[in-house]
Amino acid sequence: MFNDYDRPLHAPWLYKEMESQPQDLDEAGLAASIADIMQEERRRTPAAAIKRPEFPDLRSDEEPDPEQSAPSLVGTFRQKLAELAGAA
């Protein structure tokens, strides 16, 4: 019983326990991972071509869009965070 609360589900946040113990953050590893991701993103992103309205875009609809095939920055961050947490 938590101060007149029968179940911990209905108790105030103050009385609810964390599901897992907090872990120390490897700040050096996190900074290195973020730097690696940013360098990879700079290398992967080509300079945008200037589009002129008088010339149509002749790209085929059957060709895959390079932006869709490349992993997103958010996905890369999640993968690195999972690696640092030891989940991947």
N, C-alpha and C. Protein backbone atom coordinates (compact mmCIF):
# COMPACT_ATOMS: atom_id res chain seq x y z
N MET A 1 0.84 -1.18 0.00
CA MET A 1 0.00 0.00 0.00
C MET A 1 0.89 1.24 0.00
N PHE A 2 0.59 2.17 -0.88
CA PHE A 2 1.39 3.38 -1.03
C PHE A 2 0.57 4.59 -0.60
N ASN A 3 0.69 4.98 0.66
CA ASN A 3 -0.03 6.14 1.18
C ASN A 3 -1.50 6.15 0.76
N ASP A 4 -2.23 5.17 1.18
CA ASP A 4 -3.66 5.02 0.89
C ASP A 4 -3.97 4.65 -0.56
N TYR A 5 -2.97 4.24 -1.33
CA TYR A 5 -3.20 3.76 -2.69
C TYR A 5 -3.04 2.25 -2.68
N ASP A 6 -4.05 1.54 -3.14
CA ASP A 6 -4.03 0.08 -3.12
C ASP A 6 -3.04 -0.49 -4.13
N ARG A 7 -2.98 0.10 -5.29
CA ARG A 7 -2.14 -0.45 -6.35
C ARG A 7 -1.12 0.60 -6.78
N PRO A 8 0.10 0.19 -7.10
CA PRO A 8 1.09 1.16 -7.54
C PRO A 8 0.73 1.79 -8.88
N LEU A 9 -0.19 1.15 -9.64
CA LEU A 9 -0.60 1.70 -10.93
C LEU A 9 -1.29 3.05 -10.75
N HIS A 10 -2.03 3.20 -9.64
CA HIS A 10 -2.78 4.42 -9.41
C HIS A 10 -2.05 5.39 -8.48
N ALA A 11 -0.89 5.02 -8.03
CA ALA A 11 -0.14 5.89 -7.13
C ALA A 11 0.46 7.07 -7.91
N PRO A 12 0.74 8.17 -7.23
CA PRO A 12 1.39 9.30 -7.90
C PRO A 12 2.77 8.89 -8.42
N TRP A 13 3.27 9.66 -9.35
CA TRP A 13 4.57 9.35 -9.97
C TRP A 13 5.68 9.23 -8.94
N LEU A 14 5.54 9.95 -7.85
CA LEU A 14 6.57 9.92 -6.81
C LEU A 14 6.78 8.52 -6.27
N TYR A 15 5.72 7.72 -6.20
CA TYR A 15 5.82 6.39 -5.61
C TYR A 15 6.06 5.27 -6.63
N LYS A 16 6.06 5.60 -7.91
CA LYS A 16 6.27 4.57 -8.92
C LYS A 16 7.76 4.35 -9.11
N GLU A 17 8.13 3.10 -9.21
CA GLU A 17 9.54 2.76 -9.38
C GLU A 17 9.89 2.72 -10.85
N MET A 18 11.16 2.97 -11.13
CA MET A 18 11.63 2.86 -12.51
C MET A 18 11.67 1.39 -12.90
N GLU A 19 11.48 1.12 -14.19
CA GLU A 19 11.48 -0.26 -14.65
C GLU A 19 12.89 -0.86 -14.65
N SER A 20 13.89 -0.03 -14.88
CA SER A 20 15.26 -0.53 -14.87
C SER A 20 16.15 0.52 -14.21
N GLN A 21 17.29 0.07 -13.75
CA GLN A 21 18.23 0.97 -13.12
C GLN A 21 18.87 1.88 -14.16
N PRO A 22 19.14 3.13 -13.82
CA PRO A 22 19.79 4.02 -14.78
C PRO A 22 21.21 3.54 -15.08
N GLN A 23 21.67 3.82 -16.29
CA GLN A 23 23.01 3.41 -16.69
C GLN A 23 23.85 4.66 -16.95
N ASP A 24 25.15 4.51 -16.76
CA ASP A 24 26.06 5.61 -17.05
C ASP A 24 26.15 5.82 -18.55
N LEU A 25 26.18 7.08 -18.97
CA LEU A 25 26.26 7.43 -20.38
C LEU A 25 27.72 7.52 -20.78
N ASP A 26 28.08 6.82 -21.83
CA ASP A 26 29.43 6.90 -22.38
C ASP A 26 29.49 8.12 -23.29
N GLU A 27 29.82 9.28 -22.70
CA GLU A 27 29.78 10.54 -23.45
C GLU A 27 30.81 10.56 -24.57
N ALA A 28 31.98 9.99 -24.35
CA ALA A 28 33.01 9.97 -25.40
C ALA A 28 32.56 9.11 -26.57
N GLY A 29 31.98 7.96 -26.27
CA GLY A 29 31.48 7.09 -27.33
C GLY A 29 30.33 7.72 -28.09
N LEU A 30 29.45 8.40 -27.36
CA LEU A 30 28.31 9.07 -28.00
C LEU A 30 28.79 10.20 -28.90
N ALA A 31 29.75 11.00 -28.43
CA ALA A 31 30.28 12.10 -29.24
C ALA A 31 30.97 11.56 -30.49
N ALA A 32 31.73 10.47 -30.34
CA ALA A 32 32.41 9.88 -31.49
C ALA A 32 31.40 9.32 -32.49
N SER A 33 30.35 8.71 -32.01
CA SER A 33 29.32 8.17 -32.90
C SER A 33 28.60 9.28 -33.65
N ILE A 34 28.28 10.36 -32.96
CA ILE A 34 27.61 11.48 -33.63
C ILE A 34 28.54 12.09 -34.66
N ALA A 35 29.83 12.23 -34.35
CA ALA A 35 30.78 12.77 -35.32
C ALA A 35 30.89 11.86 -36.54
N ASP A 36 30.92 10.55 -36.33
CA ASP A 36 30.97 9.61 -37.46
C ASP A 36 29.73 9.73 -38.33
N ILE A 37 28.58 9.85 -37.71
CA ILE A 37 27.33 9.97 -38.46
C ILE A 37 27.32 11.26 -39.27
N MET A 38 27.75 12.35 -38.67
CA MET A 38 27.75 13.62 -39.38
C MET A 38 28.73 13.61 -40.54
N GLN A 39 29.90 12.99 -40.38
CA GLN A 39 30.86 12.88 -41.48
C GLN A 39 30.28 12.02 -42.60
N GLU A 40 29.63 10.93 -42.24
CA GLU A 40 29.01 10.06 -43.24
C GLU A 40 27.91 10.80 -43.99
N GLU A 41 27.14 11.60 -43.28
CA GLU A 41 26.05 12.36 -43.90
C GLU A 41 26.62 13.41 -44.86
N ARG A 42 27.72 14.06 -44.49
CA ARG A 42 28.34 15.04 -45.39
C ARG A 42 28.86 14.39 -46.65
N ARG A 43 29.47 13.19 -46.50
CA ARG A 43 29.98 12.49 -47.68
C ARG A 43 28.85 11.99 -48.56
N ARG A 44 27.77 11.57 -47.96
CA ARG A 44 26.68 10.96 -48.71
C ARG A 44 25.83 12.01 -49.45
N THR A 45 25.70 13.21 -48.90
CA THR A 45 24.84 14.22 -49.48
C THR A 45 25.59 14.99 -50.57
N PRO A 46 25.23 14.77 -51.85
CA PRO A 46 25.88 15.53 -52.92
C PRO A 46 25.31 16.94 -52.99
N ALA A 47 26.04 17.81 -53.65
CA ALA A 47 25.57 19.17 -53.83
C ALA A 47 24.31 19.14 -54.70
N ALA A 48 23.34 19.93 -54.34
CA ALA A 48 22.08 19.94 -55.08
C ALA A 48 22.29 20.61 -56.44
N ALA A 49 21.78 19.97 -57.48
CA ALA A 49 21.88 20.53 -58.82
C ALA A 49 20.88 21.67 -58.97
N ILE A 50 21.26 22.65 -59.74
CA ILE A 50 20.37 23.77 -59.98
C ILE A 50 19.32 23.33 -60.99
N LYS A 51 18.08 23.46 -60.62
CA LYS A 51 16.99 23.08 -61.52
C LYS A 51 16.50 24.33 -62.25
N ARG A 52 16.42 24.18 -63.54
CA ARG A 52 15.94 25.29 -64.35
C ARG A 52 14.58 24.91 -64.91
N PRO A 53 13.62 25.79 -64.84
CA PRO A 53 12.26 25.45 -65.28
C PRO A 53 12.14 25.15 -66.76
N GLU A 54 13.06 25.65 -67.57
CA GLU A 54 12.95 25.41 -69.01
C GLU A 54 13.39 24.01 -69.42
N PHE A 55 14.08 23.29 -68.52
CA PHE A 55 14.51 21.93 -68.81
C PHE A 55 13.73 20.96 -67.91
N PRO A 56 12.98 20.04 -68.50
CA PRO A 56 12.21 19.10 -67.67
C PRO A 56 13.12 18.06 -67.02
N ASP A 57 12.63 17.48 -65.95
CA ASP A 57 13.34 16.41 -65.26
C ASP A 57 13.07 15.12 -66.02
N LEU A 58 14.10 14.55 -66.65
CA LEU A 58 13.93 13.39 -67.52
C LEU A 58 14.19 12.07 -66.81
N ARG A 59 14.14 12.06 -65.52
CA ARG A 59 14.38 10.85 -64.77
C ARG A 59 13.20 9.89 -64.94
N SER A 60 13.50 8.63 -65.08
CA SER A 60 12.46 7.62 -65.27
C SER A 60 11.74 7.35 -63.96
N ASP A 61 10.46 7.01 -64.05
CA ASP A 61 9.70 6.65 -62.85
C ASP A 61 10.10 5.29 -62.31
N GLU A 62 10.74 4.48 -63.14
CA GLU A 62 11.12 3.14 -62.72
C GLU A 62 12.42 3.13 -61.92
N GLU A 63 13.20 4.18 -62.02
CA GLU A 63 14.46 4.25 -61.28
C GLU A 63 14.14 4.51 -59.80
N PRO A 64 14.84 3.83 -58.91
CA PRO A 64 14.60 4.10 -57.48
C PRO A 64 15.14 5.47 -57.11
N ASP A 65 14.44 6.12 -56.23
CA ASP A 65 14.86 7.43 -55.75
C ASP A 65 16.04 7.23 -54.79
N PRO A 66 17.19 7.89 -55.04
CA PRO A 66 18.35 7.67 -54.16
C PRO A 66 18.09 8.10 -52.72
N GLU A 67 17.21 9.07 -52.50
CA GLU A 67 16.92 9.50 -51.13
C GLU A 67 16.16 8.43 -50.36
N GLN A 68 15.31 7.66 -51.05
CA GLN A 68 14.54 6.63 -50.37
C GLN A 68 15.39 5.40 -50.08
N SER A 69 16.36 5.10 -50.94
CA SER A 69 17.17 3.90 -50.73
C SER A 69 18.23 4.09 -49.65
N ALA A 70 18.67 5.33 -49.44
CA ALA A 70 19.69 5.61 -48.42
C ALA A 70 19.02 5.64 -47.05
N PRO A 71 19.70 5.13 -46.02
CA PRO A 71 19.11 5.17 -44.67
C PRO A 71 19.01 6.62 -44.19
N SER A 72 17.97 6.92 -43.47
CA SER A 72 17.76 8.28 -43.00
C SER A 72 18.68 8.58 -41.81
N LEU A 73 18.85 9.84 -41.55
CA LEU A 73 19.69 10.27 -40.44
C LEU A 73 19.08 9.82 -39.11
N VAL A 74 17.77 9.87 -39.01
CA VAL A 74 17.10 9.44 -37.78
C VAL A 74 17.33 7.94 -37.55
N GLY A 75 17.21 7.15 -38.62
CA GLY A 75 17.44 5.72 -38.50
C GLY A 75 18.87 5.40 -38.10
N THR A 76 19.81 6.17 -38.66
CA THR A 76 21.21 5.97 -38.32
C THR A 76 21.47 6.31 -36.86
N PHE A 77 20.86 7.41 -36.37
CA PHE A 77 21.01 7.78 -34.97
C PHE A 77 20.43 6.70 -34.05
N ARG A 78 19.27 6.17 -34.42
CA ARG A 78 18.67 5.12 -33.59
C ARG A 78 19.54 3.87 -33.56
N GLN A 79 20.13 3.53 -34.70
CA GLN A 79 21.00 2.35 -34.76
C GLN A 79 22.23 2.55 -33.88
N LYS A 80 22.85 3.74 -33.96
CA LYS A 80 24.03 4.02 -33.13
C LYS A 80 23.67 4.02 -31.65
N LEU A 81 22.51 4.58 -31.31
CA LEU A 81 22.09 4.59 -29.91
C LEU A 81 21.86 3.17 -29.40
N ALA A 82 21.30 2.32 -30.25
CA ALA A 82 21.09 0.93 -29.87
C ALA A 82 22.43 0.22 -29.69
N GLU A 83 23.40 0.52 -30.56
CA GLU A 83 24.73 -0.08 -30.42
C GLU A 83 25.39 0.36 -29.11
N LEU A 84 25.26 1.65 -28.78
CA LEU A 84 25.86 2.15 -27.55
C LEU A 84 25.17 1.57 -26.32
N ALA A 85 23.88 1.32 -26.42
CA ALA A 85 23.14 0.76 -25.29
C ALA A 85 23.37 -0.74 -25.17
N GLY A 86 23.97 -1.33 -26.18
CA GLY A 86 24.27 -2.75 -26.13
C GLY A 86 23.14 -3.63 -26.65
N ALA A 87 22.15 -3.02 -27.30
CA ALA A 87 21.02 -3.79 -27.80
C ALA A 87 21.29 -4.38 -29.18
N ALA A 88 22.21 -3.78 -29.92
CA ALA A 88 22.46 -4.28 -31.29
C ALA A 88 23.86 -4.81 -31.42
